[in-house]
Amino acid sequence: MNNIDYFCNMNWQEHIISNKKVLLGKPTIKGTRLSVDHLISLLAQGWTEQDILQNYPRLTVKDLQAVFAYIYDNIRDGLLYSQPGKIA
């Protein structure tokens, strides 16, 4: 099984939830107040997966994999694309 197949088959819903009473409904890791966008921002800042797991000991490797699967599903479904600008 390649990485794409794994993301397609992973049930990220077991790890990521949205509750209007927690961070105004932002998708978060179940049982935490860590939002998906916060974890992605850490990666964008140069943190490694290992850095995140060391700094947030309640997170698991599966939780981080669920974040990637969640993003993959949203991109695949066209939910994260903005409208392209017009080319002059």
PDB file of N, CA and C in Angstrom:
ATOM      1  N   MET A   1       0.855  -1.179   0.000  1.00  0.00           N
ATOM      2  CA  MET A   1       0.000   0.000   0.000  1.00  0.00           C
ATOM      3  C   MET A   1       0.896   1.235   0.000  1.00  0.00           C
ATOM      4  N   ASN A   2       0.630   2.166  -0.918  1.00  0.00           N
ATOM      5  CA  ASN A   2       1.434   3.386  -0.938  1.00  0.00           C
ATOM      6  C   ASN A   2       0.813   4.428  -0.004  1.00  0.00           C
ATOM      7  N   ASN A   3       1.500   5.566   0.162  1.00  0.00           N
ATOM      8  CA  ASN A   3       1.043   6.598   1.102  1.00  0.00           C
ATOM      9  C   ASN A   3      -0.327   7.154   0.741  1.00  0.00           C
ATOM     10  N   ILE A   4      -0.590   7.334  -0.554  1.00  0.00           N
ATOM     11  CA  ILE A   4      -1.886   7.876  -0.980  1.00  0.00           C
ATOM     12  C   ILE A   4      -2.993   6.898  -0.600  1.00  0.00           C
ATOM     13  N   ASP A   5      -2.771   5.610  -0.829  1.00  0.00           N
ATOM     14  CA  ASP A   5      -3.774   4.609  -0.448  1.00  0.00           C
ATOM     15  C   ASP A   5      -4.037   4.652   1.049  1.00  0.00           C
ATOM     16  N   TYR A   6      -2.965   4.831   1.837  1.00  0.00           N
ATOM     17  CA  TYR A   6      -3.136   4.887   3.289  1.00  0.00           C
ATOM     18  C   TYR A   6      -4.026   6.061   3.675  1.00  0.00           C
ATOM     19  N   PHE A   7      -3.753   7.248   3.106  1.00  0.00           N
ATOM     20  CA  PHE A   7      -4.561   8.419   3.431  1.00  0.00           C
ATOM     21  C   PHE A   7      -6.002   8.245   2.977  1.00  0.00           C
ATOM     22  N   CYS A   8      -6.180   7.582   1.841  1.00  0.00           N
ATOM     23  CA  CYS A   8      -7.546   7.366   1.339  1.00  0.00           C
ATOM     24  C   CYS A   8      -8.328   6.438   2.255  1.00  0.00           C
ATOM     25  N   ASN A   9      -7.640   5.522   2.894  1.00  0.00           N
ATOM     26  CA  ASN A   9      -8.312   4.515   3.718  1.00  0.00           C
ATOM     27  C   ASN A   9      -8.327   4.846   5.205  1.00  0.00           C
ATOM     28  N   MET A  10      -7.592   5.858   5.630  1.00  0.00           N
ATOM     29  CA  MET A  10      -7.552   6.180   7.049  1.00  0.00           C
ATOM     30  C   MET A  10      -8.849   6.864   7.463  1.00  0.00           C
ATOM     31  N   ASN A  11      -9.380   6.462   8.588  1.00  0.00           N
ATOM     32  CA  ASN A  11     -10.599   7.076   9.115  1.00  0.00           C
ATOM     33  C   ASN A  11     -10.202   8.201  10.066  1.00  0.00           C
ATOM     34  N   TRP A  12      -9.900   9.370   9.486  1.00  0.00           N
ATOM     35  CA  TRP A  12      -9.443  10.493  10.307  1.00  0.00           C
ATOM     36  C   TRP A  12     -10.523  10.949  11.284  1.00  0.00           C
ATOM     37  N   GLN A  13     -11.797  10.624  11.008  1.00  0.00           N
ATOM     38  CA  GLN A  13     -12.897  11.027  11.888  1.00  0.00           C
ATOM     39  C   GLN A  13     -12.786  10.413  13.276  1.00  0.00           C
ATOM     40  N   GLU A  14     -11.995   9.374  13.418  1.00  0.00           N
ATOM     41  CA  GLU A  14     -11.762   8.781  14.739  1.00  0.00           C
ATOM     42  C   GLU A  14     -10.851   9.657  15.592  1.00  0.00           C
ATOM     43  N   HIS A  15     -10.141  10.580  14.966  1.00  0.00           N
ATOM     44  CA  HIS A  15      -9.147  11.406  15.657  1.00  0.00           C
ATOM     45  C   HIS A  15      -9.476  12.890  15.647  1.00  0.00           C
ATOM     46  N   ILE A  16     -10.226  13.352  14.660  1.00  0.00           N
ATOM     47  CA  ILE A  16     -10.493  14.782  14.499  1.00  0.00           C
ATOM     48  C   ILE A  16     -11.990  15.024  14.622  1.00  0.00           C
ATOM     49  N   ILE A  17     -12.321  15.995  15.480  1.00  0.00           N
ATOM     50  CA  ILE A  17     -13.731  16.330  15.696  1.00  0.00           C
ATOM     51  C   ILE A  17     -13.923  17.840  15.596  1.00  0.00           C
ATOM     52  N   SER A  18     -15.164  18.231  15.486  1.00  0.00           N
ATOM     53  CA  SER A  18     -15.515  19.647  15.497  1.00  0.00           C
ATOM     54  C   SER A  18     -16.669  19.819  16.470  1.00  0.00           C
ATOM     55  N   ASN A  19     -16.462  20.682  17.472  1.00  0.00           N
ATOM     56  CA  ASN A  19     -17.464  20.937  18.497  1.00  0.00           C
ATOM     57  C   ASN A  19     -17.565  22.446  18.657  1.00  0.00           C
ATOM     58  N   LYS A  20     -18.745  22.982  18.446  1.00  0.00           N
ATOM     59  CA  LYS A  20     -18.918  24.440  18.515  1.00  0.00           C
ATOM     60  C   LYS A  20     -18.502  25.023  19.861  1.00  0.00           C
ATOM     61  N   LYS A  21     -18.459  24.190  20.900  1.00  0.00           N
ATOM     62  CA  LYS A  21     -18.079  24.662  22.234  1.00  0.00           C
ATOM     63  C   LYS A  21     -16.563  24.627  22.454  1.00  0.00           C
ATOM     64  N   VAL A  22     -15.837  24.080  21.501  1.00  0.00           N
ATOM     65  CA  VAL A  22     -14.376  24.009  21.609  1.00  0.00           C
ATOM     66  C   VAL A  22     -13.779  24.762  20.425  1.00  0.00           C
ATOM     67  N   LEU A  23     -13.067  25.841  20.713  1.00  0.00           N
ATOM     68  CA  LEU A  23     -12.403  26.665  19.688  1.00  0.00           C
ATOM     69  C   LEU A  23     -13.364  27.062  18.566  1.00  0.00           C
ATOM     70  N   LEU A  24     -14.597  27.380  18.954  1.00  0.00           N
ATOM     71  CA  LEU A  24     -15.615  27.857  18.018  1.00  0.00           C
ATOM     72  C   LEU A  24     -15.869  26.899  16.858  1.00  0.00           C
ATOM     73  N   GLY A  25     -15.684  25.606  17.110  1.00  0.00           N
ATOM     74  CA  GLY A  25     -15.975  24.606  16.092  1.00  0.00           C
ATOM     75  C   GLY A  25     -14.833  24.264  15.157  1.00  0.00           C
ATOM     76  N   LYS A  26     -13.648  24.820  15.399  1.00  0.00           N
ATOM     77  CA  LYS A  26     -12.505  24.447  14.564  1.00  0.00           C
ATOM     78  C   LYS A  26     -12.254  22.949  14.705  1.00  0.00           C
ATOM     79  N   PRO A  27     -11.818  22.296  13.638  1.00  0.00           N
ATOM     80  CA  PRO A  27     -11.454  20.881  13.762  1.00  0.00           C
ATOM     81  C   PRO A  27     -10.286  20.735  14.735  1.00  0.00           C
ATOM     82  N   THR A  28     -10.447  19.851  15.715  1.00  0.00           N
ATOM     83  CA  THR A  28      -9.413  19.623  16.730  1.00  0.00           C
ATOM     84  C   THR A  28      -9.152  18.132  16.876  1.00  0.00           C
ATOM     85  N   ILE A  29      -8.015  17.821  17.482  1.00  0.00           N
ATOM     86  CA  ILE A  29      -7.719  16.441  17.822  1.00  0.00           C
ATOM     87  C   ILE A  29      -8.621  16.053  18.991  1.00  0.00           C
ATOM     88  N   LYS A  30      -9.306  14.940  18.844  1.00  0.00           N
ATOM     89  CA  LYS A  30     -10.249  14.475  19.859  1.00  0.00           C
ATOM     90  C   LYS A  30      -9.575  14.423  21.234  1.00  0.00           C
ATOM     91  N   GLY A  31     -10.257  14.971  22.237  1.00  0.00           N
ATOM     92  CA  GLY A  31      -9.753  14.951  23.607  1.00  0.00           C
ATOM     93  C   GLY A  31      -8.758  16.051  23.924  1.00  0.00           C
ATOM     94  N   THR A  32      -8.541  16.967  22.962  1.00  0.00           N
ATOM     95  CA  THR A  32      -7.596  18.074  23.181  1.00  0.00           C
ATOM     96  C   THR A  32      -8.237  19.374  22.702  1.00  0.00           C
ATOM     97  N   ARG A  33      -7.517  20.447  22.894  1.00  0.00           N
ATOM     98  CA  ARG A  33      -7.904  21.736  22.328  1.00  0.00           C
ATOM     99  C   ARG A  33      -6.891  22.138  21.241  1.00  0.00           C
ATOM    100  N   LEU A  34      -6.238  21.150  20.671  1.00  0.00           N
ATOM    101  CA  LEU A  34      -5.257  21.398  19.606  1.00  0.00           C
ATOM    102  C   LEU A  34      -5.968  21.347  18.258  1.00  0.00           C
ATOM    103  N   SER A  35      -5.984  22.494  17.581  1.00  0.00           N
ATOM    104  CA  SER A  35      -6.675  22.553  16.297  1.00  0.00           C
ATOM    105  C   SER A  35      -5.766  22.054  15.174  1.00  0.00           C
ATOM    106  N   VAL A  36      -6.412  21.578  14.135  1.00  0.00           N
ATOM    107  CA  VAL A  36      -5.688  21.128  12.945  1.00  0.00           C
ATOM    108  C   VAL A  36      -4.853  22.285  12.387  1.00  0.00           C
ATOM    109  N   ASP A  37      -5.433  23.473  12.313  1.00  0.00           N
ATOM    110  CA  ASP A  37      -4.678  24.594  11.739  1.00  0.00           C
ATOM    111  C   ASP A  37      -3.466  24.962  12.592  1.00  0.00           C
ATOM    112  N   HIS A  38      -3.559  24.800  13.916  1.00  0.00           N
ATOM    113  CA  HIS A  38      -2.399  25.072  14.772  1.00  0.00           C
ATOM    114  C   HIS A  38      -1.279  24.077  14.478  1.00  0.00           C
ATOM    115  N   LEU A  39      -1.636  22.816  14.361  1.00  0.00           N
ATOM    116  CA  LEU A  39      -0.614  21.801  14.088  1.00  0.00           C
ATOM    117  C   LEU A  39       0.026  22.016  12.720  1.00  0.00           C
ATOM    118  N   ILE A  40      -0.771  22.389  11.735  1.00  0.00           N
ATOM    119  CA  ILE A  40      -0.219  22.666  10.406  1.00  0.00           C
ATOM    120  C   ILE A  40       0.672  23.906  10.446  1.00  0.00           C
ATOM    121  N   SER A  41       0.299  24.904  11.251  1.00  0.00           N
ATOM    122  CA  SER A  41       1.133  26.112  11.345  1.00  0.00           C
ATOM    123  C   SER A  41       2.484  25.776  11.976  1.00  0.00           C
ATOM    124  N   LEU A  42       2.500  24.847  12.922  1.00  0.00           N
ATOM    125  CA  LEU A  42       3.777  24.428  13.513  1.00  0.00           C
ATOM    126  C   LEU A  42       4.667  23.786  12.449  1.00  0.00           C
ATOM    127  N   LEU A  43       4.080  22.931  11.630  1.00  0.00           N
ATOM    128  CA  LEU A  43       4.852  22.303  10.549  1.00  0.00           C
ATOM    129  C   LEU A  43       5.358  23.358   9.567  1.00  0.00           C
ATOM    130  N   ALA A  44       4.515  24.339   9.263  1.00  0.00           N
ATOM    131  CA  ALA A  44       4.906  25.415   8.341  1.00  0.00           C
ATOM    132  C   ALA A  44       6.048  26.255   8.906  1.00  0.00           C
ATOM    133  N   GLN A  45       6.131  26.313  10.241  1.00  0.00           N
ATOM    134  CA  GLN A  45       7.204  27.068  10.899  1.00  0.00           C
ATOM    135  C   GLN A  45       8.491  26.266  10.992  1.00  0.00           C
ATOM    136  N   GLY A  46       8.459  25.011  10.538  1.00  0.00           N
ATOM    137  CA  GLY A  46       9.670  24.205  10.539  1.00  0.00           C
ATOM    138  C   GLY A  46       9.727  23.119  11.604  1.00  0.00           C
ATOM    139  N   TRP A  47       8.690  23.016  12.427  1.00  0.00           N
ATOM    140  CA  TRP A  47       8.668  21.944  13.412  1.00  0.00           C
ATOM    141  C   TRP A  47       8.583  20.611  12.675  1.00  0.00           C
ATOM    142  N   THR A  48       9.214  19.598  13.246  1.00  0.00           N
ATOM    143  CA  THR A  48       9.085  18.256  12.698  1.00  0.00           C
ATOM    144  C   THR A  48       7.952  17.534  13.429  1.00  0.00           C
ATOM    145  N   GLU A  49       7.548  16.411  12.881  1.00  0.00           N
ATOM    146  CA  GLU A  49       6.533  15.611  13.568  1.00  0.00           C
ATOM    147  C   GLU A  49       7.039  15.236  14.960  1.00  0.00           C
ATOM    148  N   GLN A  50       8.324  14.894  15.046  1.00  0.00           N
ATOM    149  CA  GLN A  50       8.906  14.517  16.334  1.00  0.00           C
ATOM    150  C   GLN A  50       8.862  15.684  17.321  1.00  0.00           C
ATOM    151  N   ASP A  51       9.150  16.901  16.856  1.00  0.00           N
ATOM    152  CA  ASP A  51       9.065  18.088  17.712  1.00  0.00           C
ATOM    153  C   ASP A  51       7.649  18.230  18.286  1.00  0.00           C
ATOM    154  N   ILE A  52       6.656  18.054  17.427  1.00  0.00           N
ATOM    155  CA  ILE A  52       5.265  18.195  17.871  1.00  0.00           C
ATOM    156  C   ILE A  52       4.915  17.129  18.903  1.00  0.00           C
ATOM    157  N   LEU A  53       5.292  15.888  18.614  1.00  0.00           N
ATOM    158  CA  LEU A  53       4.981  14.795  19.544  1.00  0.00           C
ATOM    159  C   LEU A  53       5.682  14.975  20.892  1.00  0.00           C
ATOM    160  N   GLN A  54       6.893  15.512  20.882  1.00  0.00           N
ATOM    161  CA  GLN A  54       7.612  15.747  22.138  1.00  0.00           C
ATOM    162  C   GLN A  54       6.988  16.887  22.939  1.00  0.00           C
ATOM    163  N   ASN A  55       6.513  17.915  22.256  1.00  0.00           N
ATOM    164  CA  ASN A  55       5.944  19.077  22.941  1.00  0.00           C
ATOM    165  C   ASN A  55       4.485  18.898  23.327  1.00  0.00           C
ATOM    166  N   TYR A  56       3.811  17.973  22.703  1.00  0.00           N
ATOM    167  CA  TYR A  56       2.406  17.675  23.003  1.00  0.00           C
ATOM    168  C   TYR A  56       2.276  16.173  23.246  1.00  0.00           C
ATOM    169  N   PRO A  57       2.670  15.717  24.431  1.00  0.00           N
ATOM    170  CA  PRO A  57       2.751  14.274  24.700  1.00  0.00           C
ATOM    171  C   PRO A  57       1.421  13.518  24.603  1.00  0.00           C
ATOM    172  N   ARG A  58       0.289  14.217  24.635  1.00  0.00           N
ATOM    173  CA  ARG A  58      -0.996  13.529  24.476  1.00  0.00           C
ATOM    174  C   ARG A  58      -1.266  13.144  23.028  1.00  0.00           C
ATOM    175  N   LEU A  59      -0.558  13.767  22.096  1.00  0.00           N
ATOM    176  CA  LEU A  59      -0.726  13.436  20.679  1.00  0.00           C
ATOM    177  C   LEU A  59      -0.028  12.129  20.362  1.00  0.00           C
ATOM    178  N   THR A  60      -0.584  11.441  19.381  1.00  0.00           N
ATOM    179  CA  THR A  60       0.032  10.199  18.912  1.00  0.00           C
ATOM    180  C   THR A  60       0.403  10.349  17.439  1.00  0.00           C
ATOM    181  N   VAL A  61       1.204   9.422  16.962  1.00  0.00           N
ATOM    182  CA  VAL A  61       1.551   9.403  15.545  1.00  0.00           C
ATOM    183  C   VAL A  61       0.277   9.289  14.717  1.00  0.00           C
ATOM    184  N   LYS A  62      -0.662   8.472  15.163  1.00  0.00           N
ATOM    185  CA  LYS A  62      -1.940   8.309  14.447  1.00  0.00           C
ATOM    186  C   LYS A  62      -2.708   9.633  14.383  1.00  0.00           C
ATOM    187  N   ASP A  63      -2.646  10.438  15.448  1.00  0.00           N
ATOM    188  CA  ASP A  63      -3.299  11.749  15.432  1.00  0.00           C
ATOM    189  C   ASP A  63      -2.723  12.622  14.321  1.00  0.00           C
ATOM    190  N   LEU A  64      -1.398  12.642  14.212  1.00  0.00           N
ATOM    191  CA  LEU A  64      -0.769  13.450  13.160  1.00  0.00           C
ATOM    192  C   LEU A  64      -1.088  12.898  11.777  1.00  0.00           C
ATOM    193  N   GLN A  65      -1.109  11.589  11.641  1.00  0.00           N
ATOM    194  CA  GLN A  65      -1.486  10.995  10.366  1.00  0.00           C
ATOM    195  C   GLN A  65      -2.921  11.375  10.014  1.00  0.00           C
ATOM    196  N   ALA A  66      -3.774  11.448  11.020  1.00  0.00           N
ATOM    197  CA  ALA A  66      -5.165  11.847  10.792  1.00  0.00           C
ATOM    198  C   ALA A  66      -5.235  13.287  10.290  1.00  0.00           C
ATOM    199  N   VAL A  67      -4.366  14.166  10.812  1.00  0.00           N
ATOM    200  CA  VAL A  67      -4.324  15.553  10.338  1.00  0.00           C
ATOM    201  C   VAL A  67      -3.986  15.575   8.844  1.00  0.00           C
ATOM    202  N   PHE A  68      -2.988  14.800   8.449  1.00  0.00           N
ATOM    203  CA  PHE A  68      -2.604  14.762   7.039  1.00  0.00           C
ATOM    204  C   PHE A  68      -3.729  14.177   6.183  1.00  0.00           C
ATOM    205  N   ALA A  69      -4.380  13.138   6.674  1.00  0.00           N
ATOM    206  CA  ALA A  69      -5.492  12.529   5.932  1.00  0.00           C
ATOM    207  C   ALA A  69      -6.659  13.506   5.805  1.00  0.00           C
ATOM    208  N   TYR A  70      -6.925  14.252   6.873  1.00  0.00           N
ATOM    209  CA  TYR A  70      -7.991  15.257   6.856  1.00  0.00           C
ATOM    210  C   TYR A  70      -7.716  16.318   5.783  1.00  0.00           C
ATOM    211  N   ILE A  71      -6.494  16.804   5.764  1.00  0.00           N
ATOM    212  CA  ILE A  71      -6.116  17.820   4.778  1.00  0.00           C
ATOM    213  C   ILE A  71      -6.175  17.237   3.367  1.00  0.00           C
ATOM    214  N   TYR A  72      -5.677  16.026   3.211  1.00  0.00           N
ATOM    215  CA  TYR A  72      -5.720  15.373   1.908  1.00  0.00           C
ATOM    216  C   TYR A  72      -7.163  15.258   1.415  1.00  0.00           C
ATOM    217  N   ASP A  73      -8.062  14.807   2.260  1.00  0.00           N
ATOM    218  CA  ASP A  73      -9.471  14.684   1.876  1.00  0.00           C
ATOM    219  C   ASP A  73     -10.063  16.026   1.480  1.00  0.00           C
ATOM    220  N   ASN A  74      -9.717  17.072   2.212  1.00  0.00           N
ATOM    221  CA  ASN A  74     -10.248  18.400   1.901  1.00  0.00           C
ATOM    222  C   ASN A  74      -9.687  18.943   0.598  1.00  0.00           C
ATOM    223  N   ILE A  75      -8.432  18.706   0.336  1.00  0.00           N
ATOM    224  CA  ILE A  75      -7.840  19.142  -0.928  1.00  0.00           C
ATOM    225  C   ILE A  75      -8.437  18.343  -2.081  1.00  0.00           C
ATOM    226  N   ARG A  76      -8.527  17.039  -1.894  1.00  0.00           N
ATOM    227  CA  ARG A  76      -9.079  16.170  -2.942  1.00  0.00           C
ATOM    228  C   ARG A  76     -10.515  16.574  -3.281  1.00  0.00           C
ATOM    229  N   ASP A  77     -11.277  16.973  -2.267  1.00  0.00           N
ATOM    230  CA  ASP A  77     -12.665  17.372  -2.477  1.00  0.00           C
ATOM    231  C   ASP A  77     -12.793  18.827  -2.932  1.00  0.00           C
ATOM    232  N   GLY A  78     -11.662  19.538  -3.072  1.00  0.00           N
ATOM    233  CA  GLY A  78     -11.688  20.913  -3.557  1.00  0.00           C
ATOM    234  C   GLY A  78     -12.076  21.934  -2.508  1.00  0.00           C
ATOM    235  N   LEU A  79     -12.026  21.565  -1.232  1.00  0.00           N
ATOM    236  CA  LEU A  79     -12.472  22.475  -0.180  1.00  0.00           C
ATOM    237  C   LEU A  79     -11.410  23.467   0.264  1.00  0.00           C
ATOM    238  N   LEU A  80     -10.159  23.250  -0.114  1.00  0.00           N
ATOM    239  CA  LEU A  80      -9.094  24.153   0.343  1.00  0.00           C
ATOM    240  C   LEU A  80      -8.540  25.024  -0.778  1.00  0.00           C
ATOM    241  N   TYR A  81      -9.106  24.936  -1.946  1.00  0.00           N
ATOM    242  CA  TYR A  81      -8.613  25.747  -3.061  1.00  0.00           C
ATOM    243  C   TYR A  81      -9.306  27.090  -3.072  1.00  0.00           C
ATOM    244  N   SER A  82      -8.549  28.134  -3.371  1.00  0.00           N
ATOM    245  CA  SER A  82      -9.170  29.435  -3.594  1.00  0.00           C
ATOM    246  C   SER A  82      -9.342  29.611  -5.098  1.00  0.00           C
ATOM    247  N   GLN A  83     -10.170  30.536  -5.448  1.00  0.00           N
ATOM    248  CA  GLN A  83     -10.378  30.808  -6.859  1.00  0.00           C
ATOM    249  C   GLN A  83      -9.114  31.430  -7.433  1.00  0.00           C
ATOM    250  N   PRO A  84      -8.618  30.887  -8.537  1.00  0.00           N
ATOM    251  CA  PRO A  84      -7.403  31.461  -9.122  1.00  0.00           C
ATOM    252  C   PRO A  84      -7.673  32.865  -9.647  1.00  0.00           C
ATOM    253  N   GLY A  85      -6.650  33.714  -9.585  1.00  0.00           N
ATOM    254  CA  GLY A  85      -6.767  35.060 -10.113  1.00  0.00           C
ATOM    255  C   GLY A  85      -6.790  35.053 -11.634  1.00  0.00           C
ATOM    256  N   LYS A  86      -7.280  36.099 -12.206  1.00  0.00           N
ATOM    257  CA  LYS A  86      -7.310  36.205 -13.660  1.00  0.00           C
ATOM    258  C   LYS A  86      -5.915  36.502 -14.171  1.00  0.00           C
ATOM    259  N   ILE A  87      -5.599  35.908 -15.292  1.00  0.00           N
ATOM    260  CA  ILE A  87      -4.311  36.161 -15.925  1.00  0.00           C
ATOM    261  C   ILE A  87      -4.515  37.260 -16.955  1.00  0.00           C
ATOM    262  N   ALA A  88      -3.693  38.298 -16.850  1.00  0.00           N
ATOM    263  CA  ALA A  88      -3.852  39.449 -17.760  1.00  0.00           C
ATOM    264  C   ALA A  88      -3.272  39.153 -19.113  1.00  0.00           C
TER     265      ALA A  88
END
